[in-house]
Amino acid sequence: MLELKEKILSDGEIIEPDILKVDSFINHQIDPKTYRSIAKEIKRRFMGEKIDKILTIEASGIGIACIAAEIFD
């Protein structure tokens, strides 16, 4: 997913060698364009499957789940 990779490279922040901070566009500040791109990729990967529910954990997943649900109709 090239768009997400570019977003991570431009806006992600390395906190420690094993921690990548992406809350500037995933958690605390939502970037709808990036979310829509991720949701479209999720749909592409599950093409041909009958998807009628999208579940998420509360932390960080609600925004992307909402847009994915819209994309899956």
Protein backbone atom coordinates (compact mmCIF):
# COMPACT_ATOMS: atom_id res chain seq x y z
CA MET A 1 0.00 0.00 0.00
CA LEU A 2 2.09 2.82 -1.36
CA GLU A 3 0.00 5.72 0.00
CA LEU A 4 0.19 4.41 3.58
CA LYS A 5 3.92 3.79 3.23
CA GLU A 6 4.45 7.36 2.02
CA LYS A 7 2.30 8.73 4.85
CA ILE A 8 4.34 6.78 7.42
CA LEU A 9 7.60 8.00 5.91
CA SER A 10 6.46 11.64 5.82
CA ASP A 11 4.46 11.90 9.05
CA GLY A 12 5.52 8.94 11.19
CA GLU A 13 7.92 9.53 14.05
CA ILE A 14 10.40 6.96 15.36
CA ILE A 15 10.27 7.07 19.15
CA GLU A 16 12.58 4.14 19.86
CA PRO A 17 14.08 1.55 17.54
CA ASP A 18 10.93 -0.59 17.90
CA ILE A 19 8.25 2.13 18.20
CA LEU A 20 6.75 4.05 15.29
CA LYS A 21 4.40 6.87 16.32
CA VAL A 22 1.61 7.46 13.78
CA ASP A 23 -0.98 9.21 15.94
CA SER A 24 -0.72 12.34 13.80
CA PHE A 25 -2.87 10.59 11.18
CA ILE A 26 -4.24 7.38 12.70
CA ASN A 27 -5.25 7.97 16.33
CA HIS A 28 -5.47 11.53 17.58
CA GLN A 29 -5.84 13.25 14.26
CA ILE A 30 -7.79 11.36 11.62
CA ASP A 31 -6.77 11.66 7.98
CA PRO A 32 -9.91 10.58 6.06
CA LYS A 33 -8.05 10.30 2.74
CA THR A 34 -5.56 7.84 4.24
CA TYR A 35 -8.36 5.94 6.01
CA ARG A 36 -10.31 5.64 2.75
CA SER A 37 -7.22 4.34 0.96
CA ILE A 38 -6.64 1.74 3.70
CA ALA A 39 -10.32 0.71 3.61
CA LYS A 40 -10.19 0.24 -0.17
CA GLU A 41 -7.12 -1.96 0.23
CA ILE A 42 -8.89 -4.04 2.90
CA LYS A 43 -11.82 -4.51 0.52
CA ARG A 44 -9.47 -5.50 -2.31
CA ARG A 45 -7.83 -8.13 -0.11
CA PHE A 46 -11.20 -9.62 0.83
CA MET A 47 -12.72 -9.41 -2.64
CA GLY A 48 -15.00 -12.35 -3.27
CA GLU A 49 -15.73 -12.89 0.43
CA LYS A 50 -19.14 -12.12 1.94
CA ILE A 51 -18.41 -9.43 4.52
CA ASP A 52 -21.39 -8.34 6.61
CA LYS A 53 -19.71 -7.21 9.84
CA ILE A 54 -16.56 -5.32 10.65
CA LEU A 55 -15.26 -5.62 14.21
CA THR A 56 -12.51 -3.61 15.83
CA ILE A 57 -10.92 -3.03 19.16
CA GLU A 58 -11.84 0.32 20.65
CA ALA A 59 -8.32 1.75 20.60
CA SER A 60 -7.47 3.27 17.24
CA GLY A 61 -9.78 1.09 15.20
CA ILE A 62 -13.13 2.82 15.20
CA GLY A 63 -12.35 5.41 12.52
CA ILE A 64 -10.96 2.96 9.98
CA ALA A 65 -13.74 0.46 10.75
CA CYS A 66 -16.40 3.08 10.01
CA ILE A 67 -14.89 3.96 6.66
CA ALA A 68 -14.28 0.28 5.82
CA ALA A 69 -17.94 -0.46 6.63
CA GLU A 70 -18.96 2.32 4.25
CA ILE A 71 -16.67 0.95 1.51
CA PHE A 72 -18.09 -2.57 2.01
CA ASP A 73 -21.62 -1.09 2.06
